[in-house]
N, C-alpha and C. Protein backbone atom coordinates (compact mmCIF):
# COMPACT_ATOMS: atom_id res chain seq x y z
N MET A 1 0.84 -1.17 0.00
CA MET A 1 0.00 0.00 0.00
C MET A 1 0.89 1.23 0.00
N LYS A 2 0.64 2.13 -0.94
CA LYS A 2 1.46 3.34 -1.08
C LYS A 2 0.94 4.41 -0.14
N PRO A 3 1.81 5.03 0.69
CA PRO A 3 1.36 6.08 1.60
C PRO A 3 0.97 7.33 0.84
N VAL A 4 0.00 8.07 1.39
CA VAL A 4 -0.48 9.29 0.77
C VAL A 4 0.28 10.47 1.37
N PRO A 5 1.04 11.24 0.56
CA PRO A 5 1.78 12.37 1.11
C PRO A 5 0.84 13.53 1.42
N ASN A 6 1.25 14.39 2.30
CA ASN A 6 0.51 15.57 2.68
C ASN A 6 0.50 16.52 1.48
N ARG A 7 -0.68 16.98 1.06
CA ARG A 7 -0.79 17.81 -0.14
C ARG A 7 -0.09 19.16 0.02
N ALA A 8 -0.16 19.75 1.19
CA ALA A 8 0.48 21.06 1.39
C ALA A 8 1.99 20.93 1.26
N ILE A 9 2.56 19.90 1.80
CA ILE A 9 4.00 19.69 1.72
C ILE A 9 4.41 19.39 0.29
N GLN A 10 3.59 18.60 -0.41
CA GLN A 10 3.88 18.29 -1.80
C GLN A 10 3.85 19.56 -2.65
N ALA A 11 2.88 20.46 -2.39
CA ALA A 11 2.78 21.71 -3.17
C ALA A 11 3.99 22.60 -2.90
N GLN A 12 4.43 22.68 -1.65
CA GLN A 12 5.61 23.49 -1.34
C GLN A 12 6.86 22.90 -2.00
N HIS A 13 6.94 21.59 -2.01
CA HIS A 13 8.09 20.93 -2.63
C HIS A 13 8.09 21.16 -4.14
N ASP A 14 6.88 21.11 -4.75
CA ASP A 14 6.79 21.32 -6.19
C ASP A 14 7.16 22.75 -6.58
N GLN A 15 6.89 23.74 -5.71
CA GLN A 15 7.21 25.11 -6.01
C GLN A 15 8.67 25.44 -5.73
N GLY A 16 9.40 24.50 -5.15
CA GLY A 16 10.80 24.71 -4.88
C GLY A 16 11.07 25.49 -3.61
N LYS A 17 10.04 25.70 -2.79
CA LYS A 17 10.21 26.44 -1.55
C LYS A 17 10.78 25.51 -0.49
N PRO A 18 11.58 26.05 0.42
CA PRO A 18 12.04 25.21 1.52
C PRO A 18 10.87 24.84 2.41
N ASN A 19 10.93 23.66 2.95
CA ASN A 19 9.82 23.14 3.73
C ASN A 19 10.26 22.96 5.18
N ALA A 20 9.57 23.63 6.10
CA ALA A 20 9.93 23.54 7.51
C ALA A 20 9.43 22.25 8.13
N SER A 21 8.32 21.73 7.64
CA SER A 21 7.78 20.50 8.23
C SER A 21 7.82 19.39 7.19
N LYS A 22 8.74 18.50 7.32
CA LYS A 22 8.90 17.40 6.37
C LYS A 22 7.99 16.25 6.76
N VAL A 23 7.64 15.43 5.79
CA VAL A 23 6.79 14.27 6.04
C VAL A 23 7.62 13.01 5.87
N ASN A 24 7.49 12.12 6.81
CA ASN A 24 8.12 10.82 6.70
C ASN A 24 7.22 9.98 5.80
N LEU A 25 7.56 9.89 4.51
CA LEU A 25 6.69 9.21 3.57
C LEU A 25 6.58 7.72 3.82
N SER A 26 7.55 7.12 4.47
CA SER A 26 7.43 5.69 4.74
C SER A 26 6.37 5.41 5.80
N ALA A 27 6.21 6.31 6.76
CA ALA A 27 5.19 6.12 7.79
C ALA A 27 3.95 6.95 7.51
N GLY A 28 4.07 8.00 6.67
CA GLY A 28 2.95 8.86 6.37
C GLY A 28 2.62 9.81 7.51
N LEU A 29 3.54 10.02 8.45
CA LEU A 29 3.31 10.87 9.59
C LEU A 29 4.25 12.07 9.55
N PRO A 30 3.80 13.24 10.03
CA PRO A 30 4.67 14.39 10.05
C PRO A 30 5.79 14.22 11.06
N ALA A 31 7.00 14.66 10.67
CA ALA A 31 8.15 14.56 11.58
C ALA A 31 8.08 15.67 12.62
N GLU A 32 7.54 16.84 12.24
CA GLU A 32 7.38 17.96 13.15
C GLU A 32 5.91 18.32 13.18
N SER A 33 5.55 19.19 14.10
CA SER A 33 4.14 19.58 14.19
C SER A 33 3.77 20.45 12.99
N THR A 34 2.57 20.24 12.49
CA THR A 34 2.06 20.99 11.35
C THR A 34 0.71 21.58 11.73
N PRO A 35 0.43 22.81 11.31
CA PRO A 35 -0.86 23.40 11.64
C PRO A 35 -1.97 22.79 10.79
N LEU A 36 -3.18 22.87 11.30
CA LEU A 36 -4.35 22.39 10.58
C LEU A 36 -4.66 23.36 9.45
N ASN A 37 -4.75 22.84 8.22
CA ASN A 37 -5.13 23.66 7.08
C ASN A 37 -5.90 22.79 6.10
N TYR A 38 -6.55 23.43 5.15
CA TYR A 38 -7.40 22.70 4.21
C TYR A 38 -6.62 21.93 3.15
N GLN A 39 -5.34 22.20 3.02
CA GLN A 39 -4.55 21.47 2.03
C GLN A 39 -3.93 20.20 2.61
N GLY A 40 -3.99 20.02 3.91
CA GLY A 40 -3.36 18.88 4.56
C GLY A 40 -4.24 17.64 4.58
N THR A 41 -3.60 16.54 4.91
CA THR A 41 -4.28 15.26 5.11
C THR A 41 -3.93 14.79 6.51
N TYR A 42 -4.95 14.44 7.29
CA TYR A 42 -4.75 14.08 8.69
C TYR A 42 -5.46 12.78 9.00
N ILE A 43 -5.04 12.09 10.05
CA ILE A 43 -5.70 10.86 10.46
C ILE A 43 -7.08 11.22 11.01
N CYS A 44 -8.05 10.37 10.75
CA CYS A 44 -9.43 10.63 11.18
C CYS A 44 -9.54 10.53 12.70
N PRO A 45 -10.12 11.54 13.36
CA PRO A 45 -10.24 11.47 14.82
C PRO A 45 -11.31 10.49 15.30
N ILE A 46 -12.23 10.07 14.43
CA ILE A 46 -13.28 9.15 14.85
C ILE A 46 -12.83 7.71 14.72
N CYS A 47 -12.49 7.28 13.51
CA CYS A 47 -12.15 5.87 13.30
C CYS A 47 -10.67 5.60 13.52
N ARG A 48 -9.83 6.61 13.46
CA ARG A 48 -8.38 6.50 13.62
C ARG A 48 -7.77 5.49 12.65
N HIS A 49 -8.46 5.28 11.55
CA HIS A 49 -7.97 4.37 10.52
C HIS A 49 -7.80 5.09 9.19
N GLY A 50 -8.82 5.86 8.81
CA GLY A 50 -8.78 6.58 7.54
C GLY A 50 -8.10 7.92 7.69
N GLN A 51 -8.10 8.67 6.60
CA GLN A 51 -7.51 10.00 6.60
C GLN A 51 -8.55 11.01 6.18
N ILE A 52 -8.53 12.18 6.84
CA ILE A 52 -9.44 13.24 6.44
C ILE A 52 -8.69 14.22 5.57
N SER A 53 -9.38 14.67 4.54
CA SER A 53 -8.81 15.65 3.63
C SER A 53 -9.93 16.59 3.19
N ASN A 54 -9.55 17.67 2.55
CA ASN A 54 -10.48 18.71 2.14
C ASN A 54 -11.47 18.18 1.10
N LEU A 55 -12.74 18.56 1.26
CA LEU A 55 -13.75 18.28 0.24
C LEU A 55 -13.62 19.36 -0.83
N THR A 56 -13.72 18.98 -2.06
CA THR A 56 -13.55 19.91 -3.17
C THR A 56 -14.61 21.00 -3.10
N LEU A 57 -14.17 22.24 -3.26
CA LEU A 57 -15.01 23.44 -3.27
C LEU A 57 -15.78 23.66 -1.97
N MET A 58 -15.29 23.11 -0.87
CA MET A 58 -15.96 23.28 0.42
C MET A 58 -14.92 23.54 1.50
N ASP A 59 -15.33 24.19 2.54
CA ASP A 59 -14.48 24.38 3.71
C ASP A 59 -14.80 23.31 4.73
N ALA A 60 -14.59 22.07 4.33
CA ALA A 60 -14.90 20.93 5.20
C ALA A 60 -13.94 19.80 4.87
N PHE A 61 -13.85 18.86 5.79
CA PHE A 61 -13.04 17.66 5.63
C PHE A 61 -13.95 16.45 5.57
N ALA A 62 -13.46 15.37 4.95
CA ALA A 62 -14.19 14.10 4.94
C ALA A 62 -13.18 12.96 5.09
N CYS A 63 -13.61 11.90 5.77
CA CYS A 63 -12.75 10.73 5.97
C CYS A 63 -12.93 9.78 4.80
N ASN A 64 -11.84 9.21 4.32
CA ASN A 64 -11.92 8.27 3.20
C ASN A 64 -12.25 6.85 3.66
N PHE A 65 -12.38 6.63 4.97
CA PHE A 65 -12.71 5.29 5.47
C PHE A 65 -14.11 5.25 6.07
N CYS A 66 -14.36 6.09 7.08
CA CYS A 66 -15.67 6.04 7.75
C CYS A 66 -16.68 7.01 7.15
N ARG A 67 -16.26 7.86 6.23
CA ARG A 67 -17.12 8.79 5.48
C ARG A 67 -17.77 9.87 6.33
N HIS A 68 -17.24 10.15 7.52
CA HIS A 68 -17.76 11.25 8.32
C HIS A 68 -17.29 12.58 7.73
N ILE A 69 -18.10 13.62 7.91
CA ILE A 69 -17.80 14.95 7.40
C ILE A 69 -17.55 15.86 8.60
N PHE A 70 -16.52 16.69 8.49
CA PHE A 70 -16.10 17.58 9.57
C PHE A 70 -16.06 19.01 9.08
N THR A 71 -16.46 19.95 9.93
CA THR A 71 -16.21 21.36 9.67
C THR A 71 -14.99 21.74 10.47
N ALA A 72 -14.24 22.68 9.96
CA ALA A 72 -12.98 23.06 10.61
C ALA A 72 -13.03 24.51 11.06
N ASN A 73 -12.41 24.76 12.19
CA ASN A 73 -12.16 26.11 12.68
C ASN A 73 -10.64 26.25 12.73
N LEU A 74 -10.08 26.85 11.69
CA LEU A 74 -8.63 26.93 11.57
C LEU A 74 -8.01 27.84 12.62
N ASN A 75 -8.75 28.84 13.10
CA ASN A 75 -8.22 29.71 14.15
C ASN A 75 -8.00 28.94 15.45
N ASN A 76 -8.94 28.07 15.78
CA ASN A 76 -8.82 27.26 17.01
C ASN A 76 -8.12 25.94 16.76
N GLN A 77 -7.78 25.63 15.50
CA GLN A 77 -7.16 24.35 15.15
C GLN A 77 -8.04 23.19 15.61
N SER A 78 -9.33 23.23 15.25
CA SER A 78 -10.25 22.19 15.68
C SER A 78 -11.18 21.79 14.55
N VAL A 79 -11.73 20.59 14.66
CA VAL A 79 -12.74 20.10 13.74
C VAL A 79 -13.92 19.58 14.55
N GLN A 80 -15.11 19.62 13.92
CA GLN A 80 -16.31 19.11 14.56
C GLN A 80 -17.05 18.25 13.55
N VAL A 81 -17.51 17.09 13.99
CA VAL A 81 -18.25 16.21 13.11
C VAL A 81 -19.65 16.79 12.93
N VAL A 82 -20.14 16.81 11.68
CA VAL A 82 -21.44 17.42 11.40
C VAL A 82 -22.50 16.41 10.99
N ASP A 83 -22.11 15.18 10.71
CA ASP A 83 -23.09 14.19 10.26
C ASP A 83 -23.42 13.17 11.34
N SER A 84 -23.34 13.58 12.59
CA SER A 84 -23.62 12.70 13.72
C SER A 84 -24.53 13.42 14.69
N ALA A 85 -25.29 12.66 15.45
CA ALA A 85 -26.16 13.25 16.46
C ALA A 85 -25.36 13.77 17.64
N GLN A 86 -24.17 13.24 17.84
CA GLN A 86 -23.32 13.66 18.95
C GLN A 86 -22.47 14.85 18.54
N PRO A 87 -22.46 15.94 19.32
CA PRO A 87 -21.64 17.11 18.98
C PRO A 87 -20.18 16.90 19.40
N MET A 88 -19.46 16.11 18.63
CA MET A 88 -18.07 15.78 18.98
C MET A 88 -17.12 16.70 18.23
N SER A 89 -16.08 17.16 18.93
CA SER A 89 -15.06 17.98 18.29
C SER A 89 -13.71 17.63 18.87
N TRP A 90 -12.67 17.93 18.08
CA TRP A 90 -11.30 17.61 18.45
C TRP A 90 -10.40 18.79 18.12
N ARG A 91 -9.35 18.96 18.90
CA ARG A 91 -8.33 19.98 18.64
C ARG A 91 -7.10 19.29 18.07
N TRP A 92 -6.49 19.94 17.10
CA TRP A 92 -5.26 19.46 16.47
C TRP A 92 -4.09 20.11 17.18
N ASN A 93 -3.20 19.30 17.76
CA ASN A 93 -2.05 19.87 18.48
C ASN A 93 -0.80 19.88 17.61
N GLY A 94 -0.93 19.61 16.34
CA GLY A 94 0.21 19.61 15.43
C GLY A 94 0.65 18.20 15.06
N ARG A 95 0.28 17.22 15.86
CA ARG A 95 0.66 15.83 15.60
C ARG A 95 -0.49 14.86 15.75
N SER A 96 -1.42 15.15 16.65
CA SER A 96 -2.53 14.24 16.89
C SER A 96 -3.75 15.03 17.35
N TRP A 97 -4.88 14.33 17.44
CA TRP A 97 -6.13 14.94 17.86
C TRP A 97 -6.34 14.74 19.35
N LYS A 98 -6.87 15.76 20.00
CA LYS A 98 -7.27 15.70 21.40
C LYS A 98 -8.75 16.08 21.47
N ALA A 99 -9.52 15.34 22.24
CA ALA A 99 -10.96 15.61 22.36
C ALA A 99 -11.16 17.01 22.93
N ALA A 100 -11.98 17.80 22.25
CA ALA A 100 -12.25 19.17 22.71
C ALA A 100 -13.61 19.25 23.37
N TYR A 101 -14.50 18.37 23.02
CA TYR A 101 -15.85 18.38 23.59
C TYR A 101 -15.94 17.30 24.66
N HIS A 102 -16.42 17.70 25.82
CA HIS A 102 -16.62 16.74 26.89
C HIS A 102 -18.11 16.70 27.21
N ASP A 103 -18.62 15.50 27.38
CA ASP A 103 -20.04 15.34 27.70
C ASP A 103 -20.38 16.04 29.00
N ASP A 104 -21.61 16.44 29.09
CA ASP A 104 -22.13 16.99 30.33
C ASP A 104 -22.06 15.90 31.40
N PRO A 105 -21.41 16.16 32.55
CA PRO A 105 -21.27 15.11 33.56
C PRO A 105 -22.59 14.54 34.04
N SER A 106 -23.63 15.37 34.14
CA SER A 106 -24.92 14.85 34.59
C SER A 106 -25.51 13.91 33.55
N LEU A 107 -25.32 14.20 32.27
CA LEU A 107 -25.80 13.31 31.22
C LEU A 107 -25.02 12.00 31.23
N THR A 108 -23.73 12.06 31.46
CA THR A 108 -22.92 10.85 31.51
C THR A 108 -23.35 9.96 32.67
N ILE A 109 -23.65 10.54 33.82
CA ILE A 109 -24.11 9.77 34.96
C ILE A 109 -25.45 9.11 34.65
N VAL A 110 -26.34 9.84 34.00
CA VAL A 110 -27.65 9.29 33.65
C VAL A 110 -27.50 8.13 32.68
N ILE A 111 -26.62 8.27 31.69
CA ILE A 111 -26.40 7.19 30.72
C ILE A 111 -25.90 5.94 31.41
N TRP A 112 -24.94 6.09 32.32
CA TRP A 112 -24.40 4.92 33.02
C TRP A 112 -25.41 4.32 33.99
N LEU A 113 -26.24 5.14 34.64
CA LEU A 113 -27.27 4.60 35.53
C LEU A 113 -28.33 3.83 34.75
N VAL A 114 -28.77 4.38 33.63
CA VAL A 114 -29.74 3.67 32.79
C VAL A 114 -29.14 2.37 32.27
N SER A 115 -27.87 2.40 31.90
CA SER A 115 -27.20 1.19 31.43
C SER A 115 -27.17 0.12 32.52
N ALA A 116 -26.84 0.52 33.74
CA ALA A 116 -26.80 -0.44 34.85
C ALA A 116 -28.17 -1.02 35.11
N VAL A 117 -29.22 -0.19 35.04
CA VAL A 117 -30.58 -0.69 35.26
C VAL A 117 -30.99 -1.65 34.14
N LEU A 118 -30.64 -1.33 32.89
CA LEU A 118 -31.00 -2.21 31.77
C LEU A 118 -30.31 -3.56 31.84
N VAL A 119 -29.15 -3.62 32.48
CA VAL A 119 -28.46 -4.90 32.61
C VAL A 119 -28.96 -5.67 33.82
N THR A 120 -29.11 -4.99 34.96
CA THR A 120 -29.41 -5.71 36.20
C THR A 120 -30.89 -6.00 36.42
N LEU A 121 -31.79 -5.13 36.00
CA LEU A 121 -33.22 -5.33 36.28
C LEU A 121 -33.77 -6.60 35.63
N PRO A 122 -33.61 -6.83 34.34
CA PRO A 122 -34.15 -8.07 33.77
C PRO A 122 -33.52 -9.33 34.38
N ALA A 123 -32.20 -9.28 34.62
CA ALA A 123 -31.54 -10.45 35.22
C ALA A 123 -32.05 -10.66 36.65
N SER A 124 -32.30 -9.58 37.37
CA SER A 124 -32.83 -9.70 38.73
C SER A 124 -34.23 -10.30 38.73
N ILE A 125 -35.06 -9.91 37.79
CA ILE A 125 -36.41 -10.47 37.69
C ILE A 125 -36.35 -11.97 37.43
N VAL A 126 -35.50 -12.38 36.52
CA VAL A 126 -35.36 -13.81 36.22
C VAL A 126 -34.84 -14.56 37.45
N TRP A 127 -33.86 -13.97 38.15
CA TRP A 127 -33.33 -14.63 39.34
C TRP A 127 -34.39 -14.77 40.44
N VAL A 128 -35.16 -13.69 40.69
CA VAL A 128 -36.20 -13.73 41.72
C VAL A 128 -37.25 -14.79 41.37
N MET A 129 -37.65 -14.87 40.12
CA MET A 129 -38.65 -15.87 39.72
C MET A 129 -38.10 -17.29 39.86
N SER A 130 -36.84 -17.48 39.55
CA SER A 130 -36.27 -18.83 39.72
C SER A 130 -36.08 -19.16 41.19
N TYR A 131 -35.93 -18.15 42.04
CA TYR A 131 -35.80 -18.38 43.49
C TYR A 131 -37.17 -18.67 44.10
N LEU A 132 -38.19 -17.88 43.70
CA LEU A 132 -39.53 -18.07 44.25
C LEU A 132 -40.22 -19.33 43.72
N PHE A 133 -39.98 -19.65 42.47
CA PHE A 133 -40.61 -20.81 41.86
C PHE A 133 -39.54 -21.74 41.30
N PRO A 134 -38.81 -22.43 42.19
CA PRO A 134 -37.72 -23.28 41.72
C PRO A 134 -38.27 -24.51 40.99
N PRO A 135 -37.49 -25.09 40.11
CA PRO A 135 -37.94 -26.32 39.45
C PRO A 135 -37.94 -27.48 40.45
N LEU A 136 -38.65 -28.51 40.11
CA LEU A 136 -38.69 -29.68 40.98
C LEU A 136 -37.31 -30.32 41.03
N PRO A 137 -36.87 -30.73 42.24
CA PRO A 137 -35.55 -31.37 42.34
C PRO A 137 -35.51 -32.66 41.52
N GLY A 138 -34.43 -32.82 40.77
CA GLY A 138 -34.23 -34.02 39.98
C GLY A 138 -34.99 -34.02 38.66
N SER A 139 -35.68 -32.90 38.31
CA SER A 139 -36.41 -32.86 37.05
C SER A 139 -35.43 -32.65 35.89
N ALA A 140 -35.89 -32.95 34.70
CA ALA A 140 -35.03 -32.84 33.51
C ALA A 140 -34.70 -31.38 33.20
N TRP A 141 -35.54 -30.44 33.62
CA TRP A 141 -35.34 -29.02 33.32
C TRP A 141 -34.82 -28.24 34.52
N ALA A 142 -34.18 -28.86 35.46
CA ALA A 142 -33.66 -28.17 36.65
C ALA A 142 -32.54 -27.18 36.30
N TRP A 143 -31.85 -27.38 35.21
CA TRP A 143 -30.75 -26.52 34.78
C TRP A 143 -31.24 -25.24 34.10
N PHE A 144 -32.49 -25.22 33.65
CA PHE A 144 -32.99 -24.15 32.80
C PHE A 144 -32.95 -22.75 33.46
N PRO A 145 -33.31 -22.57 34.74
CA PRO A 145 -33.29 -21.21 35.31
C PRO A 145 -31.90 -20.57 35.30
N GLN A 146 -30.86 -21.37 35.58
CA GLN A 146 -29.51 -20.79 35.56
C GLN A 146 -29.10 -20.39 34.15
N VAL A 147 -29.42 -21.20 33.17
CA VAL A 147 -29.09 -20.88 31.78
C VAL A 147 -29.89 -19.65 31.32
N TRP A 148 -31.16 -19.59 31.69
CA TRP A 148 -31.99 -18.44 31.33
C TRP A 148 -31.45 -17.16 31.97
N LEU A 149 -31.01 -17.23 33.22
CA LEU A 149 -30.42 -16.09 33.89
C LEU A 149 -29.13 -15.64 33.19
N GLY A 150 -28.28 -16.58 32.83
CA GLY A 150 -27.04 -16.24 32.12
C GLY A 150 -27.31 -15.62 30.76
N CYS A 151 -28.28 -16.17 30.04
CA CYS A 151 -28.61 -15.63 28.72
C CYS A 151 -29.20 -14.22 28.84
N THR A 152 -30.07 -14.03 29.82
CA THR A 152 -30.68 -12.70 30.03
C THR A 152 -29.60 -11.67 30.35
N LEU A 153 -28.72 -12.00 31.27
CA LEU A 153 -27.65 -11.09 31.64
C LEU A 153 -26.71 -10.82 30.45
N GLY A 154 -26.34 -11.86 29.72
CA GLY A 154 -25.43 -11.70 28.59
C GLY A 154 -26.02 -10.87 27.46
N VAL A 155 -27.27 -11.13 27.10
CA VAL A 155 -27.89 -10.39 26.00
C VAL A 155 -28.09 -8.92 26.36
N HIS A 156 -28.53 -8.65 27.59
CA HIS A 156 -28.70 -7.26 28.00
C HIS A 156 -27.36 -6.53 28.12
N LEU A 157 -26.34 -7.23 28.54
CA LEU A 157 -25.01 -6.64 28.60
C LEU A 157 -24.50 -6.30 27.20
N LEU A 158 -24.75 -7.18 26.22
CA LEU A 158 -24.37 -6.90 24.83
C LEU A 158 -25.13 -5.69 24.28
N MET A 159 -26.43 -5.61 24.57
CA MET A 159 -27.22 -4.48 24.07
C MET A 159 -26.72 -3.16 24.66
N VAL A 160 -26.44 -3.14 25.95
CA VAL A 160 -25.97 -1.91 26.58
C VAL A 160 -24.56 -1.57 26.08
N GLY A 161 -23.72 -2.58 25.88
CA GLY A 161 -22.39 -2.32 25.33
C GLY A 161 -22.47 -1.71 23.94
N TRP A 162 -23.39 -2.22 23.11
CA TRP A 162 -23.58 -1.66 21.77
C TRP A 162 -24.06 -0.21 21.85
N LEU A 163 -25.02 0.07 22.73
CA LEU A 163 -25.52 1.45 22.86
C LEU A 163 -24.43 2.40 23.35
N LEU A 164 -23.60 1.95 24.30
CA LEU A 164 -22.51 2.81 24.78
C LEU A 164 -21.46 3.04 23.69
N ALA A 165 -21.16 2.00 22.91
CA ALA A 165 -20.20 2.16 21.82
C ALA A 165 -20.73 3.13 20.76
N GLU A 166 -22.03 3.07 20.49
CA GLU A 166 -22.64 4.02 19.55
C GLU A 166 -22.62 5.44 20.12
N HIS A 167 -22.90 5.57 21.40
CA HIS A 167 -22.95 6.91 22.01
C HIS A 167 -21.57 7.55 22.05
N TYR A 168 -20.56 6.81 22.46
CA TYR A 168 -19.22 7.38 22.60
C TYR A 168 -18.39 7.28 21.32
N GLN A 169 -18.93 6.64 20.27
CA GLN A 169 -18.25 6.51 18.97
C GLN A 169 -16.82 6.00 19.16
N LEU A 170 -16.69 4.84 19.77
CA LEU A 170 -15.37 4.25 20.02
C LEU A 170 -14.69 3.90 18.70
N PRO A 171 -13.41 4.27 18.53
CA PRO A 171 -12.73 4.05 17.25
C PRO A 171 -12.69 2.58 16.82
N LEU A 172 -12.43 1.67 17.73
CA LEU A 172 -12.38 0.24 17.37
C LEU A 172 -13.75 -0.24 16.90
N TYR A 173 -14.80 0.21 17.55
CA TYR A 173 -16.16 -0.17 17.16
C TYR A 173 -16.49 0.39 15.78
N ILE A 174 -16.17 1.66 15.54
CA ILE A 174 -16.46 2.30 14.25
C ILE A 174 -15.71 1.59 13.12
N THR A 175 -14.44 1.29 13.34
CA THR A 175 -13.63 0.63 12.33
C THR A 175 -14.20 -0.74 12.00
N ASN A 176 -14.53 -1.52 13.00
CA ASN A 176 -15.08 -2.86 12.76
C ASN A 176 -16.46 -2.80 12.13
N ARG A 177 -17.27 -1.81 12.49
CA ARG A 177 -18.59 -1.67 11.88
C ARG A 177 -18.47 -1.38 10.38
N ILE A 178 -17.53 -0.53 10.02
CA ILE A 178 -17.35 -0.19 8.61
C ILE A 178 -16.80 -1.38 7.84
N ARG A 179 -15.84 -2.09 8.42
CA ARG A 179 -15.31 -3.28 7.75
C ARG A 179 -16.38 -4.34 7.55
N LEU A 180 -17.24 -4.55 8.55
CA LEU A 180 -18.32 -5.52 8.43
C LEU A 180 -19.30 -5.10 7.35
N ARG A 181 -19.63 -3.80 7.31
CA ARG A 181 -20.55 -3.30 6.29
C ARG A 181 -19.98 -3.50 4.89
N SER A 182 -18.69 -3.23 4.70
CA SER A 182 -18.09 -3.40 3.37
C SER A 182 -17.97 -4.89 3.03
N TRP A 183 -17.70 -5.74 4.03
CA TRP A 183 -17.62 -7.18 3.77
C TRP A 183 -18.99 -7.73 3.39
N LEU A 184 -20.05 -7.29 4.05
CA LEU A 184 -21.39 -7.76 3.70
C LEU A 184 -21.84 -7.19 2.36
N GLY A 185 -21.34 -6.02 1.99
CA GLY A 185 -21.69 -5.42 0.70
C GLY A 185 -21.05 -6.15 -0.47
N ARG A 186 -19.93 -6.82 -0.24
CA ARG A 186 -19.25 -7.55 -1.32
C ARG A 186 -19.89 -8.90 -1.59
N ARG A 187 -20.68 -9.40 -0.66
CA ARG A 187 -21.26 -10.75 -0.82
C ARG A 187 -22.39 -10.75 -1.78
């Protein structure tokens, strides 16, 4: 796979101007810090797999892997995702992205409390029912309440994990979701 050079550095090199920030073309990473500009190519702050670059005739960036669109504030050296329900933004420090938007702490507490209730309440109901109405000793289905409790807990834990991954837009989750979508599209 051939690395994609930074367009701003390539343009400066083509014009014969000296370049203060060189790109390590073998790794595709800047050797020194570079400011955020529309001519550059940067790693995607959401999926951390693709690269964001300028959309033609627009003051916006788009990722070539996860297809998210970002608006940029060059004065603050930040980008914000515009095609998501979550108002996520990141600051460019010259080498990597740092999260600029932090969730409201009260909303984060509510999300985690609701998640805990969604996992524990159904499993607790199944456990109480198996305790109050136990199967007959020595019956063929004596194992069923424990299996049902494990399945209830596991399925609800998976659902809550999926919802939290969607809410926080975890890079590993986003990358795997896109790969699965492209793999299913090829079939």
